Amino acid sequence: FVYVKNWSSYSDYGQVLSKDLDWTMTEQKLGK
């Protein structure tokens, strides 16, 4: 099971540190 969710930084509270699309979930990453 893969549960995908975004959240902002906790240490740098509430900040968006990255919008790296390499972390987007794809069929290839999900596998079975």
Full PDB file with SEQRES, HELIX, SHEET, SSBOND, CRYST1, ORIGX, SCALE, CONECT and MASTER records, all heavy atoms in Angstrom:
SEQRES   1 A   32  PHE VAL TYR VAL LYS ASN TRP SER SER TYR SER ASP TYR          
SEQRES   2 A   32  GLY GLN VAL LEU SER LYS ASP LEU ASP TRP THR MET THR          
SEQRES   3 A   32  GLU GLN LYS LEU GLY LYS                                      
HELIX    1 AA1 LEU A   21  TRP A   23  5                                   3    
HELIX    2 AA2 GLU A   27  LEU A   30  1                                   4    
CRYST1    1.000    1.000    1.000  90.00  90.00  90.00 P 1           1          
ORIGX1      1.000000  0.000000  0.000000        0.00000                         
ORIGX2      0.000000  1.000000  0.000000        0.00000                         
ORIGX3      0.000000  0.000000  1.000000        0.00000                         
SCALE1      1.000000  0.000000  0.000000        0.00000                         
SCALE2      0.000000  1.000000  0.000000        0.00000                         
SCALE3      0.000000  0.000000  1.000000        0.00000                         
ATOM      1  N   PHE A   1       0.858  -1.180   0.000  1.00  0.00           N  
ATOM      2  CA  PHE A   1       0.000   0.000   0.000  1.00  0.00           C  
ATOM      3  C   PHE A   1       0.896   1.232   0.000  1.00  0.00           C  
ATOM      4  O   PHE A   1       1.874   1.293   0.751  1.00  0.00           O  
ATOM      5  CB  PHE A   1      -0.901   0.048   1.240  1.00  0.00           C  
ATOM      6  CG  PHE A   1      -1.878  -1.089   1.342  1.00  0.00           C  
ATOM      7  CD1 PHE A   1      -1.541  -2.260   2.004  1.00  0.00           C  
ATOM      8  CD2 PHE A   1      -3.154  -0.982   0.781  1.00  0.00           C  
ATOM      9  CE1 PHE A   1      -2.443  -3.309   2.107  1.00  0.00           C  
ATOM     10  CE2 PHE A   1      -4.053  -2.025   0.883  1.00  0.00           C  
ATOM     11  CZ  PHE A   1      -3.701  -3.187   1.544  1.00  0.00           C  
ATOM     12  N   VAL A   2       0.546   2.211  -0.817  1.00  0.00           N  
ATOM     13  CA  VAL A   2       1.274   3.475  -0.832  1.00  0.00           C  
ATOM     14  C   VAL A   2       0.274   4.605  -0.572  1.00  0.00           C  
ATOM     15  O   VAL A   2      -0.651   4.821  -1.354  1.00  0.00           O  
ATOM     16  CB  VAL A   2       1.992   3.709  -2.175  1.00  0.00           C  
ATOM     17  CG1 VAL A   2       2.665   5.077  -2.175  1.00  0.00           C  
ATOM     18  CG2 VAL A   2       3.013   2.612  -2.425  1.00  0.00           C  
ATOM     19  N   TYR A   3       0.458   5.288   0.539  1.00  0.00           N  
ATOM     20  CA  TYR A   3      -0.393   6.417   0.920  1.00  0.00           C  
ATOM     21  C   TYR A   3       0.383   7.683   0.593  1.00  0.00           C  
ATOM     22  O   TYR A   3       1.456   7.927   1.156  1.00  0.00           O  
ATOM     23  CB  TYR A   3      -0.698   6.357   2.419  1.00  0.00           C  
ATOM     24  CG  TYR A   3      -1.900   7.174   2.855  1.00  0.00           C  
ATOM     25  CD1 TYR A   3      -3.062   6.550   3.278  1.00  0.00           C  
ATOM     26  CD2 TYR A   3      -1.866   8.564   2.857  1.00  0.00           C  
ATOM     27  CE1 TYR A   3      -4.162   7.288   3.690  1.00  0.00           C  
ATOM     28  CE2 TYR A   3      -2.960   9.303   3.249  1.00  0.00           C  
ATOM     29  CZ  TYR A   3      -4.113   8.650   3.678  1.00  0.00           C  
ATOM     30  OH  TYR A   3      -5.207   9.389   4.066  1.00  0.00           O  
ATOM     31  N   VAL A   4      -0.142   8.487  -0.306  1.00  0.00           N  
ATOM     32  CA  VAL A   4       0.553   9.695  -0.743  1.00  0.00           C  
ATOM     33  C   VAL A   4      -0.132  10.926  -0.161  1.00  0.00           C  
ATOM     34  O   VAL A   4      -1.358  11.034  -0.174  1.00  0.00           O  
ATOM     35  CB  VAL A   4       0.581   9.765  -2.281  1.00  0.00           C  
ATOM     36  CG1 VAL A   4       1.151  11.096  -2.747  1.00  0.00           C  
ATOM     37  CG2 VAL A   4       1.408   8.615  -2.834  1.00  0.00           C  
ATOM     38  N   LYS A   5       0.665  11.837   0.361  1.00  0.00           N  
ATOM     39  CA  LYS A   5       0.114  13.050   0.975  1.00  0.00           C  
ATOM     40  C   LYS A   5       1.187  14.129   0.999  1.00  0.00           C  
ATOM     41  O   LYS A   5       2.345  13.846   1.273  1.00  0.00           O  
ATOM     42  CB  LYS A   5      -0.361  12.761   2.405  1.00  0.00           C  
ATOM     43  CG  LYS A   5      -1.035  13.941   3.079  1.00  0.00           C  
ATOM     44  CD  LYS A   5      -2.405  14.210   2.490  1.00  0.00           C  
ATOM     45  CE  LYS A   5      -3.093  15.396   3.154  1.00  0.00           C  
ATOM     46  NZ  LYS A   5      -2.585  16.690   2.647  1.00  0.00           N  
ATOM     47  N   ASN A   6       0.778  15.353   0.749  1.00  0.00           N  
ATOM     48  CA  ASN A   6       1.696  16.473   0.915  1.00  0.00           C  
ATOM     49  C   ASN A   6       1.549  17.054   2.315  1.00  0.00           C  
ATOM     50  O   ASN A   6       0.471  17.004   2.911  1.00  0.00           O  
ATOM     51  CB  ASN A   6       1.412  17.570  -0.112  1.00  0.00           C  
ATOM     52  CG  ASN A   6       2.243  18.823   0.154  1.00  0.00           C  
ATOM     53  OD1 ASN A   6       1.791  19.730   0.855  1.00  0.00           O  
ATOM     54  ND2 ASN A   6       3.443  18.858  -0.371  1.00  0.00           N  
ATOM     55  N   TRP A   7       2.638  17.588   2.830  1.00  0.00           N  
ATOM     56  CA  TRP A   7       2.593  18.406   4.049  1.00  0.00           C  
ATOM     57  C   TRP A   7       3.738  19.413   3.976  1.00  0.00           C  
ATOM     58  O   TRP A   7       4.738  19.201   3.300  1.00  0.00           O  
ATOM     59  CB  TRP A   7       2.689  17.548   5.312  1.00  0.00           C  
ATOM     60  CG  TRP A   7       3.917  16.689   5.414  1.00  0.00           C  
ATOM     61  CD1 TRP A   7       5.137  17.032   5.898  1.00  0.00           C  
ATOM     62  CD2 TRP A   7       4.029  15.294   5.033  1.00  0.00           C  
ATOM     63  NE1 TRP A   7       6.008  15.964   5.848  1.00  0.00           N  
ATOM     64  CE2 TRP A   7       5.355  14.887   5.329  1.00  0.00           C  
ATOM     65  CE3 TRP A   7       3.140  14.371   4.487  1.00  0.00           C  
ATOM     66  CZ2 TRP A   7       5.805  13.591   5.077  1.00  0.00           C  
ATOM     67  CZ3 TRP A   7       3.590  13.078   4.232  1.00  0.00           C  
ATOM     68  CH2 TRP A   7       4.909  12.705   4.531  1.00  0.00           C  
ATOM     69  N   SER A   8       3.547  20.531   4.629  1.00  0.00           N  
ATOM     70  CA  SER A   8       4.580  21.565   4.669  1.00  0.00           C  
ATOM     71  C   SER A   8       5.651  21.180   5.682  1.00  0.00           C  
ATOM     72  O   SER A   8       5.520  20.202   6.411  1.00  0.00           O  
ATOM     73  CB  SER A   8       3.954  22.915   5.023  1.00  0.00           C  
ATOM     74  OG  SER A   8       3.251  22.832   6.248  1.00  0.00           O  
ATOM     75  N   SER A   9       6.694  21.978   5.738  1.00  0.00           N  
ATOM     76  CA  SER A   9       7.786  21.695   6.665  1.00  0.00           C  
ATOM     77  C   SER A   9       7.320  21.867   8.113  1.00  0.00           C  
ATOM     78  O   SER A   9       6.557  22.788   8.425  1.00  0.00           O  
ATOM     79  CB  SER A   9       8.960  22.635   6.394  1.00  0.00           C  
ATOM     80  OG  SER A   9       9.984  22.445   7.352  1.00  0.00           O  
ATOM     81  N   TYR A  10       7.790  20.988   8.990  1.00  0.00           N  
ATOM     82  CA  TYR A  10       7.504  21.119  10.414  1.00  0.00           C  
ATOM     83  C   TYR A  10       8.609  21.909  11.112  1.00  0.00           C  
ATOM     84  O   TYR A  10       8.341  22.779  11.933  1.00  0.00           O  
ATOM     85  CB  TYR A  10       7.368  19.741  11.057  1.00  0.00           C  
ATOM     86  CG  TYR A  10       7.091  19.794  12.543  1.00  0.00           C  
ATOM     87  CD1 TYR A  10       5.812  20.077  13.019  1.00  0.00           C  
ATOM     88  CD2 TYR A  10       8.105  19.565  13.487  1.00  0.00           C  
ATOM     89  CE1 TYR A  10       5.550  20.146  14.387  1.00  0.00           C  
ATOM     90  CE2 TYR A  10       7.843  19.632  14.848  1.00  0.00           C  
ATOM     91  CZ  TYR A  10       6.570  19.922  15.284  1.00  0.00           C  
ATOM     92  OH  TYR A  10       6.313  19.997  16.642  1.00  0.00           O  
ATOM     93  N   SER A  11       9.855  21.636  10.751  1.00  0.00           N  
ATOM     94  CA  SER A  11      10.978  22.335  11.388  1.00  0.00           C  
ATOM     95  C   SER A  11      11.028  23.802  10.965  1.00  0.00           C  
ATOM     96  O   SER A  11      11.254  24.691  11.782  1.00  0.00           O  
ATOM     97  CB  SER A  11      12.297  21.639  11.057  1.00  0.00           C  
ATOM     98  OG  SER A  11      12.475  21.565   9.653  1.00  0.00           O  
ATOM     99  N   ASP A  12      10.839  24.053   9.660  1.00  0.00           N  
ATOM    100  CA  ASP A  12      10.735  25.423   9.147  1.00  0.00           C  
ATOM    101  C   ASP A  12       9.245  25.671   8.972  1.00  0.00           C  
ATOM    102  O   ASP A  12       8.720  25.695   7.867  1.00  0.00           O  
ATOM    103  CB  ASP A  12      11.481  25.537   7.826  1.00  0.00           C  
ATOM    104  CG  ASP A  12      11.718  26.972   7.405  1.00  0.00           C  
ATOM    105  OD1 ASP A  12      11.301  27.885   8.152  1.00  0.00           O  
ATOM    106  OD2 ASP A  12      12.292  27.184   6.329  1.00  0.00           O  
ATOM    107  N   TYR A  13       8.559  25.875  10.074  1.00  0.00           N  
ATOM    108  CA  TYR A  13       7.129  25.634  10.194  1.00  0.00           C  
ATOM    109  C   TYR A  13       6.270  26.310   9.126  1.00  0.00           C  
ATOM    110  O   TYR A  13       6.330  27.530   8.919  1.00  0.00           O  
ATOM    111  CB  TYR A  13       6.629  26.060  11.581  1.00  0.00           C  
ATOM    112  CG  TYR A  13       5.234  25.547  11.879  1.00  0.00           C  
ATOM    113  CD1 TYR A  13       5.002  24.196  12.014  1.00  0.00           C  
ATOM    114  CD2 TYR A  13       4.158  26.416  11.988  1.00  0.00           C  
ATOM    115  CE1 TYR A  13       3.732  23.704  12.270  1.00  0.00           C  
ATOM    116  CE2 TYR A  13       2.883  25.939  12.245  1.00  0.00           C  
ATOM    117  CZ  TYR A  13       2.680  24.579  12.384  1.00  0.00           C  
ATOM    118  OH  TYR A  13       1.413  24.106  12.617  1.00  0.00           O  
ATOM    119  N   GLY A  14       5.473  25.471   8.444  1.00  0.00           N  
ATOM    120  CA  GLY A  14       4.510  25.948   7.472  1.00  0.00           C  
ATOM    121  C   GLY A  14       5.079  26.361   6.128  1.00  0.00           C  
ATOM    122  O   GLY A  14       4.343  26.840   5.263  1.00  0.00           O  
ATOM    123  N   GLN A  15       6.370  26.143   5.926  1.00  0.00           N  
ATOM    124  CA  GLN A  15       7.006  26.575   4.687  1.00  0.00           C  
ATOM    125  C   GLN A  15       7.000  25.478   3.620  1.00  0.00           C  
ATOM    126  O   GLN A  15       7.039  24.288   3.944  1.00  0.00           O  
ATOM    127  CB  GLN A  15       8.442  27.012   4.951  1.00  0.00           C  
ATOM    128  CG  GLN A  15       8.556  28.200   5.889  1.00  0.00           C  
ATOM    129  CD  GLN A  15       7.812  29.418   5.381  1.00  0.00           C  
ATOM    130  OE1 GLN A  15       8.062  29.889   4.262  1.00  0.00           O  
ATOM    131  NE2 GLN A  15       6.891  29.936   6.173  1.00  0.00           N  
ATOM    132  N   VAL A  16       6.943  25.887   2.366  1.00  0.00           N  
ATOM    133  CA  VAL A  16       7.107  24.977   1.231  1.00  0.00           C  
ATOM    134  C   VAL A  16       8.567  25.051   0.812  1.00  0.00           C  
ATOM    135  O   VAL A  16       9.015  26.052   0.245  1.00  0.00           O  
ATOM    136  CB  VAL A  16       6.183  25.373   0.063  1.00  0.00           C  
ATOM    137  CG1 VAL A  16       6.448  24.484  -1.148  1.00  0.00           C  
ATOM    138  CG2 VAL A  16       4.723  25.287   0.481  1.00  0.00           C  
ATOM    139  N   LEU A  17       9.307  23.995   1.105  1.00  0.00           N  
ATOM    140  CA  LEU A  17      10.741  23.988   0.820  1.00  0.00           C  
ATOM    141  C   LEU A  17      11.039  23.463  -0.566  1.00  0.00           C  
ATOM    142  O   LEU A  17      12.108  23.736  -1.126  1.00  0.00           O  
ATOM    143  CB  LEU A  17      11.465  23.120   1.853  1.00  0.00           C  
ATOM    144  CG  LEU A  17      11.234  23.471   3.328  1.00  0.00           C  
ATOM    145  CD1 LEU A  17      12.024  22.525   4.221  1.00  0.00           C  
ATOM    146  CD2 LEU A  17      11.617  24.917   3.609  1.00  0.00           C  
ATOM    147  N   SER A  18      10.103  22.682  -1.117  1.00  0.00           N  
ATOM    148  CA  SER A  18      10.340  22.065  -2.413  1.00  0.00           C  
ATOM    149  C   SER A  18       9.016  21.741  -3.088  1.00  0.00           C  
ATOM    150  O   SER A  18       8.027  21.416  -2.420  1.00  0.00           O  
ATOM    151  CB  SER A  18      11.150  20.771  -2.242  1.00  0.00           C  
ATOM    152  OG  SER A  18      11.178  20.030  -3.439  1.00  0.00           O  
ATOM    153  N   LYS A  19       9.001  21.843  -4.422  1.00  0.00           N  
ATOM    154  CA  LYS A  19       7.875  21.377  -5.230  1.00  0.00           C  
ATOM    155  C   LYS A  19       8.392  20.379  -6.262  1.00  0.00           C  
ATOM    156  O   LYS A  19       7.948  20.337  -7.393  1.00  0.00           O  
ATOM    157  CB  LYS A  19       7.176  22.551  -5.920  1.00  0.00           C  
ATOM    158  CG  LYS A  19       6.588  23.583  -4.969  1.00  0.00           C  
ATOM    159  CD  LYS A  19       5.956  24.731  -5.742  1.00  0.00           C  
ATOM    160  CE  LYS A  19       5.444  25.815  -4.810  1.00  0.00           C  
ATOM    161  NZ  LYS A  19       4.856  26.968  -5.563  1.00  0.00           N  
ATOM    162  N   ASP A  20       9.345  19.554  -5.840  1.00  0.00           N  
ATOM    163  CA  ASP A  20      10.061  18.636  -6.719  1.00  0.00           C  
ATOM    164  C   ASP A  20       9.111  17.604  -7.320  1.00  0.00           C  
ATOM    165  O   ASP A  20       8.640  16.692  -6.626  1.00  0.00           O  
ATOM    166  CB  ASP A  20      11.171  17.950  -5.929  1.00  0.00           C  
ATOM    167  CG  ASP A  20      12.071  17.105  -6.804  1.00  0.00           C  
ATOM    168  OD1 ASP A  20      11.780  16.975  -8.009  1.00  0.00           O  
ATOM    169  OD2 ASP A  20      13.065  16.562  -6.278  1.00  0.00           O  
ATOM    170  N   LEU A  21       8.831  17.731  -8.606  1.00  0.00           N  
ATOM    171  CA  LEU A  21       7.908  16.821  -9.278  1.00  0.00           C  
ATOM    172  C   LEU A  21       8.463  15.410  -9.423  1.00  0.00           C  
ATOM    173  O   LEU A  21       7.735  14.491  -9.819  1.00  0.00           O  
ATOM    174  CB  LEU A  21       7.527  17.383 -10.648  1.00  0.00           C  
ATOM    175  CG  LEU A  21       6.684  18.663 -10.628  1.00  0.00           C  
ATOM    176  CD1 LEU A  21       6.414  19.152 -12.053  1.00  0.00           C  
ATOM    177  CD2 LEU A  21       5.372  18.440  -9.892  1.00  0.00           C  
ATOM    178  N   ASP A  22       9.735  15.212  -9.072  1.00  0.00           N  
ATOM    179  CA  ASP A  22      10.285  13.857  -9.071  1.00  0.00           C  
ATOM    180  C   ASP A  22       9.618  12.992  -7.996  1.00  0.00           C  
ATOM    181  O   ASP A  22       9.726  11.764  -8.038  1.00  0.00           O  
ATOM    182  CB  ASP A  22      11.799  13.891  -8.816  1.00  0.00           C  
ATOM    183  CG  ASP A  22      12.575  14.412 -10.027  1.00  0.00           C  
ATOM    184  OD1 ASP A  22      12.010  14.373 -11.140  1.00  0.00           O  
ATOM    185  OD2 ASP A  22      13.733  14.839  -9.849  1.00  0.00           O  
ATOM    186  N   TRP A  23       8.931  13.644  -7.032  1.00  0.00           N  
ATOM    187  CA  TRP A  23       8.245  12.907  -5.974  1.00  0.00           C  
ATOM    188  C   TRP A  23       6.787  12.599  -6.333  1.00  0.00           C  
ATOM    189  O   TRP A  23       6.084  11.954  -5.562  1.00  0.00           O  
ATOM    190  CB  TRP A  23       8.314  13.688  -4.661  1.00  0.00           C  
ATOM    191  CG  TRP A  23       9.649  13.547  -3.996  1.00  0.00           C  
ATOM    192  CD1 TRP A  23      10.803  14.206  -4.321  1.00  0.00           C  
ATOM    193  CD2 TRP A  23       9.977  12.692  -2.905  1.00  0.00           C  
ATOM    194  NE1 TRP A  23      11.832  13.810  -3.495  1.00  0.00           N  
ATOM    195  CE2 TRP A  23      11.351  12.886  -2.605  1.00  0.00           C  
ATOM    196  CE3 TRP A  23       9.246  11.782  -2.137  1.00  0.00           C  
ATOM    197  CZ2 TRP A  23      12.003  12.190  -1.594  1.00  0.00           C  
ATOM    198  CZ3 TRP A  23       9.898  11.102  -1.106  1.00  0.00           C  
ATOM    199  CH2 TRP A  23      11.260  11.300  -0.851  1.00  0.00           C  
ATOM    200  N   THR A  24       6.313  13.058  -7.489  1.00  0.00           N  
ATOM    201  CA  THR A  24       4.959  12.746  -7.938  1.00  0.00           C  
ATOM    202  C   THR A  24       4.809  11.235  -8.092  1.00  0.00           C  
ATOM    203  O   THR A  24       5.704  10.559  -8.620  1.00  0.00           O  
ATOM    204  CB  THR A  24       4.671  13.437  -9.282  1.00  0.00           C  
ATOM    205  OG1 THR A  24       4.782  14.845  -9.121  1.00  0.00           O  
ATOM    206  CG2 THR A  24       3.273  13.093  -9.794  1.00  0.00           C  
ATOM    207  N   MET A  25       3.672  10.680  -7.649  1.00  0.00           N  
ATOM    208  CA  MET A  25       3.463   9.237  -7.739  1.00  0.00           C  
ATOM    209  C   MET A  25       3.054   8.859  -9.163  1.00  0.00           C  
ATOM    210  O   MET A  25       2.121   9.422  -9.727  1.00  0.00           O  
ATOM    211  CB  MET A  25       2.393   8.782  -6.744  1.00  0.00           C  
ATOM    212  CG  MET A  25       2.238   7.267  -6.634  1.00  0.00           C  
ATOM    213  SD  MET A  25       3.783   6.362  -6.290  1.00  0.00           S  
ATOM    214  CE  MET A  25       4.360   7.210  -4.803  1.00  0.00           C  
ATOM    215  N   THR A  26       3.765   7.893  -9.721  1.00  0.00           N  
ATOM    216  CA  THR A  26       3.515   7.400 -11.075  1.00  0.00           C  
ATOM    217  C   THR A  26       3.205   5.912 -11.043  1.00  0.00           C  
ATOM    218  O   THR A  26       3.431   5.235 -10.035  1.00  0.00           O  
ATOM    219  CB  THR A  26       4.750   7.626 -11.965  1.00  0.00           C  
ATOM    220  OG1 THR A  26       5.830   6.804 -11.465  1.00  0.00           O  
ATOM    221  CG2 THR A  26       5.175   9.093 -11.969  1.00  0.00           C  
ATOM    222  N   GLU A  27       2.707   5.401 -12.156  1.00  0.00           N  
ATOM    223  CA  GLU A  27       2.441   3.960 -12.249  1.00  0.00           C  
ATOM    224  C   GLU A  27       3.716   3.154 -12.036  1.00  0.00           C  
ATOM    225  O   GLU A  27       3.701   2.109 -11.379  1.00  0.00           O  
ATOM    226  CB  GLU A  27       1.851   3.622 -13.629  1.00  0.00           C  
ATOM    227  CG  GLU A  27       0.387   3.936 -13.793  1.00  0.00           C  
ATOM    228  CD  GLU A  27      -0.143   3.420 -15.113  1.00  0.00           C  
ATOM    229  OE1 GLU A  27       0.390   3.836 -16.167  1.00  0.00           O  
ATOM    230  OE2 GLU A  27      -1.086   2.608 -15.092  1.00  0.00           O  
ATOM    231  N   GLN A  28       4.803   3.623 -12.605  1.00  0.00           N  
ATOM    232  CA  GLN A  28       6.063   2.897 -12.480  1.00  0.00           C  
ATOM    233  C   GLN A  28       6.507   2.815 -11.021  1.00  0.00           C  
ATOM    234  O   GLN A  28       6.928   1.752 -10.546  1.00  0.00           O  
ATOM    235  CB  GLN A  28       7.146   3.573 -13.320  1.00  0.00           C  
ATOM    236  CG  GLN A  28       8.485   2.847 -13.289  1.00  0.00           C  
ATOM    237  CD  GLN A  28       9.532   3.519 -14.172  1.00  0.00           C  
ATOM    238  OE1 GLN A  28       9.244   4.521 -14.823  1.00  0.00           O  
ATOM    239  NE2 GLN A  28      10.736   2.976 -14.190  1.00  0.00           N  
ATOM    240  N   LYS A  29       6.411   3.920 -10.307  1.00  0.00           N  
ATOM    241  CA  LYS A  29       6.801   3.916  -8.893  1.00  0.00           C  
ATOM    242  C   LYS A  29       5.872   3.044  -8.057  1.00  0.00           C  
ATOM    243  O   LYS A  29       6.308   2.342  -7.144  1.00  0.00           O  
ATOM    244  CB  LYS A  29       6.770   5.343  -8.333  1.00  0.00           C  
ATOM    245  CG  LYS A  29       7.852   6.274  -8.838  1.00  0.00           C  
ATOM    246  CD  LYS A  29       7.682   7.620  -8.162  1.00  0.00           C  
ATOM    247  CE  LYS A  29       8.667   8.638  -8.666  1.00  0.00           C  
ATOM    248  NZ  LYS A  29       8.478   9.951  -8.009  1.00  0.00           N  
ATOM    249  N   LEU A  30       4.582   3.115  -8.350  1.00  0.00           N  
ATOM    250  CA  LEU A  30       3.586   2.396  -7.553  1.00  0.00           C  
ATOM    251  C   LEU A  30       3.766   0.892  -7.654  1.00  0.00           C  
ATOM    252  O   LEU A  30       3.546   0.170  -6.671  1.00  0.00           O  
ATOM    253  CB  LEU A  30       2.177   2.793  -8.005  1.00  0.00           C  
ATOM    254  CG  LEU A  30       1.018   2.231  -7.188  1.00  0.00           C  
ATOM    255  CD1 LEU A  30       1.036   2.801  -5.761  1.00  0.00           C  
ATOM    256  CD2 LEU A  30      -0.316   2.566  -7.870  1.00  0.00           C  
ATOM    257  N   GLY A  31       4.159   0.422  -8.831  1.00  0.00           N  
ATOM    258  CA  GLY A  31       4.315  -1.016  -9.005  1.00  0.00           C  
ATOM    259  C   GLY A  31       2.990  -1.742  -8.829  1.00  0.00           C  
ATOM    260  O   GLY A  31       1.979  -1.352  -9.401  1.00  0.00           O  
ATOM    261  N   LYS A  32       2.993  -2.759  -7.993  1.00  0.00           N  
ATOM    262  CA  LYS A  32       1.785  -3.555  -7.762  1.00  0.00           C  
ATOM    263  C   LYS A  32       1.009  -3.107  -6.531  1.00  0.00           C  
ATOM    264  O   LYS A  32       0.003  -3.710  -6.169  1.00  0.00           O  
ATOM    265  CB  LYS A  32       2.165  -5.033  -7.615  1.00  0.00           C  
ATOM    266  CG  LYS A  32       2.783  -5.639  -8.867  1.00  0.00           C  
ATOM    267  CD  LYS A  32       3.127  -7.107  -8.657  1.00  0.00           C  
ATOM    268  CE  LYS A  32       3.745  -7.704  -9.923  1.00  0.00           C  
ATOM    269  NZ  LYS A  32       4.092  -9.145  -9.730  1.00  0.00           N  
TER     270      LYS A  32                                                      
MASTER        0    0    0    2    0    0    0    6  269    1    0    3          
END                                                                             
